[in-house]
Every structure is written in structure tokens, then in C-alpha cells.
PDB file of N, CA and C in Angstrom:
ATOM      1  N   MET A   1       5.236  57.352 -16.215  1.00  0.00           N
ATOM      2  CA  MET A   1       4.830  55.954 -16.594  1.00  0.00           C
ATOM      3  C   MET A   1       3.887  55.928 -17.753  1.00  0.00           C
ATOM      4  N   THR A   2       4.095  55.155 -18.803  1.00  0.00           N
ATOM      5  CA  THR A   2       3.338  55.203 -20.082  1.00  0.00           C
ATOM      6  C   THR A   2       2.363  54.138 -19.695  1.00  0.00           C
ATOM      7  N   THR A   3       1.225  54.304 -20.671  1.00  0.00           N
ATOM      8  CA  THR A   3       0.025  53.473 -20.684  1.00  0.00           C
ATOM      9  C   THR A   3       0.453  52.017 -20.762  1.00  0.00           C
ATOM     10  N   LEU A   4       1.264  51.734 -21.633  1.00  0.00           N
ATOM     11  CA  LEU A   4       1.893  50.355 -21.810  1.00  0.00           C
ATOM     12  C   LEU A   4       2.394  49.874 -20.427  1.00  0.00           C
ATOM     13  N   ASP A   5       3.211  50.652 -19.862  1.00  0.00           N
ATOM     14  CA  ASP A   5       3.806  50.184 -18.721  1.00  0.00           C
ATOM     15  C   ASP A   5       2.853  49.895 -17.566  1.00  0.00           C
ATOM     16  N   LYS A   6       1.707  50.683 -17.389  1.00  0.00           N
ATOM     17  CA  LYS A   6       0.760  50.362 -16.587  1.00  0.00           C
ATOM     18  C   LYS A   6      -0.041  49.181 -16.898  1.00  0.00           C
ATOM     19  N   THR A   7      -0.338  49.072 -18.192  1.00  0.00           N
ATOM     20  CA  THR A   7      -0.996  47.863 -18.729  1.00  0.00           C
ATOM     21  C   THR A   7      -0.246  46.532 -18.489  1.00  0.00           C
ATOM     22  N   TYR A   8       1.087  46.691 -18.787  1.00  0.00           N
ATOM     23  CA  TYR A   8       1.928  45.413 -18.506  1.00  0.00           C
ATOM     24  C   TYR A   8       1.899  45.156 -17.090  1.00  0.00           C
ATOM     25  N   ILE A   9       1.935  46.032 -16.189  1.00  0.00           N
ATOM     26  CA  ILE A   9       2.018  45.776 -14.559  1.00  0.00           C
ATOM     27  C   ILE A   9       0.805  45.151 -14.229  1.00  0.00           C
ATOM     28  N   GLU A  10      -0.474  45.638 -14.724  1.00  0.00           N
ATOM     29  CA  GLU A  10      -1.573  44.863 -14.576  1.00  0.00           C
ATOM     30  C   GLU A  10      -1.889  43.604 -15.138  1.00  0.00           C
ATOM     31  N   PHE A  11      -1.225  43.309 -16.300  1.00  0.00           N
ATOM     32  CA  PHE A  11      -1.244  42.230 -16.936  1.00  0.00           C
ATOM     33  C   PHE A  11      -0.376  41.035 -16.141  1.00  0.00           C
ATOM     34  N   PHE A  12       0.727  41.485 -15.858  1.00  0.00           N
ATOM     35  CA  PHE A  12       1.701  40.715 -15.175  1.00  0.00           C
ATOM     36  C   PHE A  12       1.122  40.344 -13.744  1.00  0.00           C
ATOM     37  N   ALA A  13       0.422  41.298 -13.086  1.00  0.00           N
ATOM     38  CA  ALA A  13      -0.206  40.999 -11.719  1.00  0.00           C
ATOM     39  C   ALA A  13      -1.275  40.051 -11.885  1.00  0.00           C
ATOM     40  N   ASP A  14      -2.094  40.069 -12.950  1.00  0.00           N
ATOM     41  CA  ASP A  14      -3.124  39.119 -13.128  1.00  0.00           C
ATOM     42  C   ASP A  14      -2.482  37.664 -13.370  1.00  0.00           C
ATOM     43  N   ILE A  15      -1.641  37.580 -14.274  1.00  0.00           N
ATOM     44  CA  ILE A  15      -0.849  36.180 -14.427  1.00  0.00           C
ATOM     45  C   ILE A  15      -0.384  35.738 -13.244  1.00  0.00           C
ATOM     46  N   ARG A  16       0.416  36.457 -12.236  1.00  0.00           N
ATOM     47  CA  ARG A  16       0.781  36.123 -11.188  1.00  0.00           C
ATOM     48  C   ARG A  16      -0.175  35.578 -10.236  1.00  0.00           C
ATOM     49  N   ARG A  17      -1.252  36.321 -10.240  1.00  0.00           N
ATOM     50  CA  ARG A  17      -2.318  35.925  -9.379  1.00  0.00           C
ATOM     51  C   ARG A  17      -3.094  34.573  -9.746  1.00  0.00           C
ATOM     52  N   GLN A  18      -3.188  34.332 -10.938  1.00  0.00           N
ATOM     53  CA  GLN A  18      -3.718  33.136 -11.485  1.00  0.00           C
ATOM     54  C   GLN A  18      -2.830  32.024 -11.070  1.00  0.00           C
ATOM     55  N   ILE A  19      -1.477  32.185 -11.234  1.00  0.00           N
ATOM     56  CA  ILE A  19      -0.439  31.078 -10.858  1.00  0.00           C
ATOM     57  C   ILE A  19      -0.504  30.827  -9.390  1.00  0.00           C
ATOM     58  N   ARG A  20      -0.599  31.708  -8.612  1.00  0.00           N
ATOM     59  CA  ARG A  20      -0.726  31.489  -7.035  1.00  0.00           C
ATOM     60  C   ARG A  20      -2.000  30.786  -6.690  1.00  0.00           C
ATOM     61  N   GLU A  21      -3.084  31.338  -7.372  1.00  0.00           N
ATOM     62  CA  GLU A  21      -4.295  30.503  -6.996  1.00  0.00           C
ATOM     63  C   GLU A  21      -4.260  29.145  -7.493  1.00  0.00           C
ATOM     64  N   ALA A  22      -3.702  28.886  -8.588  1.00  0.00           N
ATOM     65  CA  ALA A  22      -3.740  27.589  -9.059  1.00  0.00           C
ATOM     66  C   ALA A  22      -2.710  26.583  -8.269  1.00  0.00           C
ATOM     67  N   ARG A  23      -1.785  27.326  -7.780  1.00  0.00           N
ATOM     68  CA  ARG A  23      -0.813  26.581  -6.854  1.00  0.00           C
ATOM     69  C   ARG A  23      -1.546  26.051  -5.501  1.00  0.00           C
ATOM     70  N   PHE A  24      -2.322  27.187  -5.118  1.00  0.00           N
ATOM     71  CA  PHE A  24      -3.067  26.882  -3.800  1.00  0.00           C
ATOM     72  C   PHE A  24      -4.041  25.685  -3.893  1.00  0.00           C
ATOM     73  N   ARG A  25      -4.808  25.835  -4.953  1.00  0.00           N
ATOM     74  CA  ARG A  25      -5.753  24.807  -5.352  1.00  0.00           C
ATOM     75  C   ARG A  25      -5.051  23.509  -5.526  1.00  0.00           C
ATOM     76  N   ALA A  26      -4.002  23.291  -6.033  1.00  0.00           N
ATOM     77  CA  ALA A  26      -3.219  22.064  -6.213  1.00  0.00           C
ATOM     78  C   ALA A  26      -2.932  21.582  -5.012  1.00  0.00           C
ATOM     79  N   LEU A  27      -2.210  22.373  -4.066  1.00  0.00           N
ATOM     80  CA  LEU A  27      -1.830  21.981  -2.656  1.00  0.00           C
ATOM     81  C   LEU A  27      -2.939  21.610  -1.953  1.00  0.00           C
ATOM     82  N   HIS A  28      -4.058  22.194  -2.029  1.00  0.00           N
ATOM     83  CA  HIS A  28      -5.213  21.909  -1.217  1.00  0.00           C
ATOM     84  C   HIS A  28      -5.595  20.525  -1.701  1.00  0.00           C
ATOM     85  N   LEU A  29      -5.757  20.038  -2.904  1.00  0.00           N
ATOM     86  CA  LEU A  29      -5.970  18.716  -3.404  1.00  0.00           C
ATOM     87  C   LEU A  29      -5.144  17.802  -3.094  1.00  0.00           C
ATOM     88  N   VAL A  30      -3.993  18.087  -3.121  1.00  0.00           N
ATOM     89  CA  VAL A  30      -2.961  17.075  -2.620  1.00  0.00           C
ATOM     90  C   VAL A  30      -3.048  16.805  -1.241  1.00  0.00           C
ATOM     91  N   ASN A  31      -3.165  17.738  -0.518  1.00  0.00           N
ATOM     92  CA  ASN A  31      -3.441  17.566   1.089  1.00  0.00           C
ATOM     93  C   ASN A  31      -4.834  16.723   1.418  1.00  0.00           C
ATOM     94  N   LYS A  32      -5.707  17.072   0.558  1.00  0.00           N
ATOM     95  CA  LYS A  32      -7.012  16.377   0.791  1.00  0.00           C
ATOM     96  C   LYS A  32      -6.853  14.816   0.395  1.00  0.00           C
ATOM     97  N   GLU A  33      -6.049  14.559  -0.587  1.00  0.00           N
ATOM     98  CA  GLU A  33      -5.698  13.092  -0.652  1.00  0.00           C
ATOM     99  C   GLU A  33      -4.898  12.479   0.248  1.00  0.00           C
ATOM    100  N   LYS A  34      -3.906  13.250   0.739  1.00  0.00           N
ATOM    101  CA  LYS A  34      -2.888  12.664   1.743  1.00  0.00           C
ATOM    102  C   LYS A  34      -3.549  12.253   3.114  1.00  0.00           C
ATOM    103  N   ILE A  35      -4.581  12.965   3.477  1.00  0.00           N
ATOM    104  CA  ILE A  35      -5.150  12.575   4.766  1.00  0.00           C
ATOM    105  C   ILE A  35      -5.667  11.078   4.856  1.00  0.00           C
ATOM    106  N   PRO A  36      -6.538  10.659   3.804  1.00  0.00           N
ATOM    107  CA  PRO A  36      -7.125   9.330   3.858  1.00  0.00           C
ATOM    108  C   PRO A  36      -5.806   8.359   3.636  1.00  0.00           C
ATOM    109  N   LEU A  37      -4.635   8.731   2.629  1.00  0.00           N
ATOM    110  CA  LEU A  37      -3.750   7.908   2.575  1.00  0.00           C
ATOM    111  C   LEU A  37      -3.065   7.641   3.820  1.00  0.00           C
ATOM    112  N   TYR A  38      -2.593   8.580   4.489  1.00  0.00           N
ATOM    113  CA  TYR A  38      -1.847   8.416   5.829  1.00  0.00           C
ATOM    114  C   TYR A  38      -2.707   7.505   6.748  1.00  0.00           C
ATOM    115  N   ARG A  39      -3.903   7.779   6.894  1.00  0.00           N
ATOM    116  CA  ARG A  39      -4.947   7.242   7.767  1.00  0.00           C
ATOM    117  C   ARG A  39      -5.016   5.574   7.284  1.00  0.00           C
ATOM    118  N   ASN A  40      -5.028   5.405   6.099  1.00  0.00           N
ATOM    119  CA  ASN A  40      -4.983   3.983   5.649  1.00  0.00           C
ATOM    120  C   ASN A  40      -3.649   3.216   5.888  1.00  0.00           C
ATOM    121  N   ILE A  41      -2.498   3.953   5.645  1.00  0.00           N
ATOM    122  CA  ILE A  41      -1.226   3.470   5.945  1.00  0.00           C
ATOM    123  C   ILE A  41      -1.165   3.146   7.457  1.00  0.00           C
ATOM    124  N   GLY A  42      -1.646   4.038   8.245  1.00  0.00           N
ATOM    125  CA  GLY A  42      -1.653   3.819   9.759  1.00  0.00           C
ATOM    126  C   GLY A  42      -2.503   2.512  10.095  1.00  0.00           C
ATOM    127  N   LYS A  43      -3.600   2.357   9.487  1.00  0.00           N
ATOM    128  CA  LYS A  43      -4.673   1.169   9.746  1.00  0.00           C
ATOM    129  C   LYS A  43      -3.785   0.028   9.508  1.00  0.00           C
ATOM    130  N   THR A  44      -3.171   0.135   8.217  1.00  0.00           N
ATOM    131  CA  THR A  44      -2.457  -1.103   7.593  1.00  0.00           C
ATOM    132  C   THR A  44      -1.247  -1.620   8.655  1.00  0.00           C
ATOM    133  N   ILE A  45      -0.598  -0.535   9.044  1.00  0.00           N
ATOM    134  CA  ILE A  45       0.422  -0.831   9.955  1.00  0.00           C
ATOM    135  C   ILE A  45      -0.030  -1.500  11.338  1.00  0.00           C
ATOM    136  N   TYR A  46      -1.131  -0.844  11.824  1.00  0.00           N
ATOM    137  CA  TYR A  46      -1.778  -1.376  13.111  1.00  0.00           C
ATOM    138  C   TYR A  46      -2.123  -2.951  12.932  1.00  0.00           C
ATOM    139  N   TYR A  47      -2.713  -3.212  11.785  1.00  0.00           N
ATOM    140  CA  TYR A  47      -3.239  -4.418  11.666  1.00  0.00           C
ATOM    141  C   TYR A  47      -2.143  -5.496  11.307  1.00  0.00           C
ATOM    142  N   GLN A  48      -0.969  -5.103  11.101  1.00  0.00           N
ATOM    143  CA  GLN A  48       0.262  -6.101  10.770  1.00  0.00           C
ATOM    144  C   GLN A  48       0.424  -6.784  12.051  1.00  0.00           C
ATOM    145  N   GLN A  49       0.012  -6.362  13.183  1.00  0.00           N
ATOM    146  CA  GLN A  49       0.276  -7.113  14.420  1.00  0.00           C
ATOM    147  C   GLN A  49      -0.369  -8.523  14.263  1.00  0.00           C
ATOM    148  N   GLN A  50      -1.405  -8.742  13.433  1.00  0.00           N
ATOM    149  CA  GLN A  50      -1.954 -10.220  13.509  1.00  0.00           C
ATOM    150  C   GLN A  50      -0.943 -11.113  12.954  1.00  0.00           C
ATOM    151  N   TYR A  51       0.032 -10.702  12.249  1.00  0.00           N
ATOM    152  CA  TYR A  51       1.103 -11.563  11.733  1.00  0.00           C
ATOM    153  C   TYR A  51       2.224 -11.722  12.687  1.00  0.00           C
ATOM    154  N   GLY A  52       2.178 -11.037  13.668  1.00  0.00           N
ATOM    155  CA  GLY A  52       3.383 -11.301  14.833  1.00  0.00           C
ATOM    156  C   GLY A  52       4.402 -10.555  14.462  1.00  0.00           C
ATOM    157  N   TRP A  53       4.528  -9.603  13.609  1.00  0.00           N
ATOM    158  CA  TRP A  53       5.588  -8.706  13.266  1.00  0.00           C
ATOM    159  C   TRP A  53       5.747  -7.808  14.224  1.00  0.00           C
ATOM    160  N   GLY A  54       7.011  -7.458  14.521  1.00  0.00           N
ATOM    161  CA  GLY A  54       7.319  -6.514  15.546  1.00  0.00           C
ATOM    162  C   GLY A  54       7.551  -5.031  15.072  1.00  0.00           C
ATOM    163  N   LYS A  55       8.303  -4.456  15.915  1.00  0.00           N
ATOM    164  CA  LYS A  55       8.619  -3.088  15.646  1.00  0.00           C
ATOM    165  C   LYS A  55       9.524  -2.909  14.339  1.00  0.00           C
ATOM    166  N   SER A  56      10.283  -4.014  14.220  1.00  0.00           N
ATOM    167  CA  SER A  56      11.351  -4.036  13.097  1.00  0.00           C
ATOM    168  C   SER A  56      10.761  -3.781  11.776  1.00  0.00           C
ATOM    169  N   ILE A  57       9.468  -4.365  11.744  1.00  0.00           N
ATOM    170  CA  ILE A  57       8.951  -4.305  10.258  1.00  0.00           C
ATOM    171  C   ILE A  57       8.432  -2.816   9.908  1.00  0.00           C
ATOM    172  N   VAL A  58       8.261  -2.022  10.865  1.00  0.00           N
ATOM    173  CA  VAL A  58       7.907  -0.661  10.633  1.00  0.00           C
ATOM    174  C   VAL A  58       9.187   0.221  10.177  1.00  0.00           C
ATOM    175  N   GLU A  59      10.351  -0.169  10.902  1.00  0.00           N
ATOM    176  CA  GLU A  59      11.612   0.345  10.546  1.00  0.00           C
ATOM    177  C   GLU A  59      11.989  -0.023   9.185  1.00  0.00           C
ATOM    178  N   LEU A  60      11.854  -1.315   8.789  1.00  0.00           N
ATOM    179  CA  LEU A  60      12.032  -1.686   7.361  1.00  0.00           C
ATOM    180  C   LEU A  60      11.199  -1.142   6.394  1.00  0.00           C
ATOM    181  N   LEU A  61       9.973  -0.975   6.703  1.00  0.00           N
ATOM    182  CA  LEU A  61       8.771  -0.166   5.846  1.00  0.00           C
ATOM    183  C   LEU A  61       9.396   1.249   5.600  1.00  0.00           C
ATOM    184  N   ALA A  62       9.659   1.833   6.627  1.00  0.00           N
ATOM    185  CA  ALA A  62      10.227   3.418   6.630  1.00  0.00           C
ATOM    186  C   ALA A  62      11.362   3.345   5.786  1.00  0.00           C
ATOM    187  N   ALA A  63      12.345   2.641   5.931  1.00  0.00           N
ATOM    188  CA  ALA A  63      13.502   2.511   5.044  1.00  0.00           C
ATOM    189  C   ALA A  63      13.220   2.436   3.591  1.00  0.00           C
ATOM    190  N   GLU A  64      12.365   1.359   3.288  1.00  0.00           N
ATOM    191  CA  GLU A  64      11.962   1.080   2.006  1.00  0.00           C
ATOM    192  C   GLU A  64      11.046   2.179   1.297  1.00  0.00           C
ATOM    193  N   LEU A  65      10.222   2.830   1.985  1.00  0.00           N
ATOM    194  CA  LEU A  65       9.428   3.868   1.490  1.00  0.00           C
ATOM    195  C   LEU A  65      10.190   5.043   1.225  1.00  0.00           C
ATOM    196  N   GLN A  66      11.186   5.475   2.179  1.00  0.00           N
ATOM    197  CA  GLN A  66      12.064   6.673   1.865  1.00  0.00           C
ATOM    198  C   GLN A  66      12.913   6.435   0.633  1.00  0.00           C
ATOM    199  N   LYS A  67      13.439   5.284   0.344  1.00  0.00           N
ATOM    200  CA  LYS A  67      14.087   4.924  -0.762  1.00  0.00           C
ATOM    201  C   LYS A  67      13.160   5.077  -2.047  1.00  0.00           C
ATOM    202  N   GLU A  68      12.167   4.600  -1.925  1.00  0.00           N
ATOM    203  CA  GLU A  68      11.197   4.624  -3.085  1.00  0.00           C
ATOM    204  C   GLU A  68      10.512   6.023  -3.364  1.00  0.00           C
ATOM    205  N   PHE A  69      10.416   6.764  -2.213  1.00  0.00           N
ATOM    206  CA  PHE A  69       9.789   8.046  -2.499  1.00  0.00           C
ATOM    207  C   PHE A  69      10.505   9.117  -1.978  1.00  0.00           C
ATOM    208  N   VAL A  70      11.726   9.246  -2.610  1.00  0.00           N
ATOM    209  CA  VAL A  70      12.766  10.201  -2.159  1.00  0.00           C
ATOM    210  C   VAL A  70      12.124  11.596  -2.194  1.00  0.00           C
ATOM    211  N   GLY A  71      12.443  12.498  -1.070  1.00  0.00           N
ATOM    212  CA  GLY A  71      11.891  13.747  -0.904  1.00  0.00           C
ATOM    213  C   GLY A  71      10.722  13.856  -0.116  1.00  0.00           C
ATOM    214  N   ASN A  72       9.995  12.627   0.177  1.00  0.00           N
ATOM    215  CA  ASN A  72       8.717  12.697   0.764  1.00  0.00           C
ATOM    216  C   ASN A  72       8.938  12.466   2.187  1.00  0.00           C
ATOM    217  N   ASP A  73       8.765  13.464   2.954  1.00  0.00           N
ATOM    218  CA  ASP A  73       9.079  13.284   4.494  1.00  0.00           C
ATOM    219  C   ASP A  73       7.952  12.637   5.440  1.00  0.00           C
ATOM    220  N   GLY A  74       7.005  12.207   4.712  1.00  0.00           N
ATOM    221  CA  GLY A  74       5.809  11.570   5.397  1.00  0.00           C
ATOM    222  C   GLY A  74       5.895  10.191   5.643  1.00  0.00           C
ATOM    223  N   PHE A  75       7.161   9.639   5.194  1.00  0.00           N
ATOM    224  CA  PHE A  75       7.292   8.093   5.511  1.00  0.00           C
ATOM    225  C   PHE A  75       8.450   7.812   6.373  1.00  0.00           C
ATOM    226  N   SER A  76       8.902   8.855   7.305  1.00  0.00           N
ATOM    227  CA  SER A  76       9.976   8.549   8.171  1.00  0.00           C
ATOM    228  C   SER A  76       9.457   7.575   9.360  1.00  0.00           C
ATOM    229  N   LEU A  77      10.289   6.900   9.935  1.00  0.00           N
ATOM    230  CA  LEU A  77      10.022   5.974  11.116  1.00  0.00           C
ATOM    231  C   LEU A  77       9.116   6.623  12.121  1.00  0.00           C
ATOM    232  N   ARG A  78       9.412   7.949  12.384  1.00  0.00           N
ATOM    233  CA  ARG A  78       8.643   8.672  13.488  1.00  0.00           C
ATOM    234  C   ARG A  78       7.145   8.850  12.951  1.00  0.00           C
ATOM    235  N   LYS A  79       7.104   9.262  11.802  1.00  0.00           N
ATOM    236  CA  LYS A  79       5.744   9.544  11.187  1.00  0.00           C
ATOM    237  C   LYS A  79       4.966   8.239  10.974  1.00  0.00           C
ATOM    238  N   LEU A  80       5.649   7.243  10.583  1.00  0.00           N
ATOM    239  CA  LEU A  80       4.642   5.996  10.421  1.00  0.00           C
ATOM    240  C   LEU A  80       4.358   5.513  11.792  1.00  0.00           C
ATOM    241  N   TRP A  81       4.991   5.796  12.797  1.00  0.00           N
ATOM    242  CA  TRP A  81       4.666   5.327  14.129  1.00  0.00           C
ATOM    243  C   TRP A  81       3.615   6.319  14.554  1.00  0.00           C
TER     244      TRP A  81
END
């Protein structure tokens, strides 16, 4: 193995490490924001009872959110309840 090969391997490993660390930090920040979001959605759904809306409003909400935010599994009917 030449010096260039060894240097490149170390260079590549460093770049790969930087990418993985950045992805981890990004996921951590996203999850940090999701917790209060889901809590607030839950509160909002809970307080909708004052309007006399029943179970069907949550079913409608789940369907609309899933259409609007395709690929986000956090808005299924089960998860909203």
C-alpha cells in the first residue's frame, strides 16, 4: 500500500465520519422539535371536544394530514389518538 492509498483511506474515513456526525445532529434536532409538536397536536385534538366534535373529526384530520404530509407516519389515525 502506498502512502497515497493510506492517506486517501484516512481522508475518506474523516469525511465519512463528518457526514455521519452531521446526520446524527440533524436527526437529534428534528426529534427535539417533533416532541413539542406532537404534544401540541394532542392537546389541540383533546380540546376539540368543546365543539362537540366526535371521533370522526380525528379520522378526517388523519386522512387530511396524511395527504398533505406524504411519507410522514406520525399522522396516522392510531398515532393521533
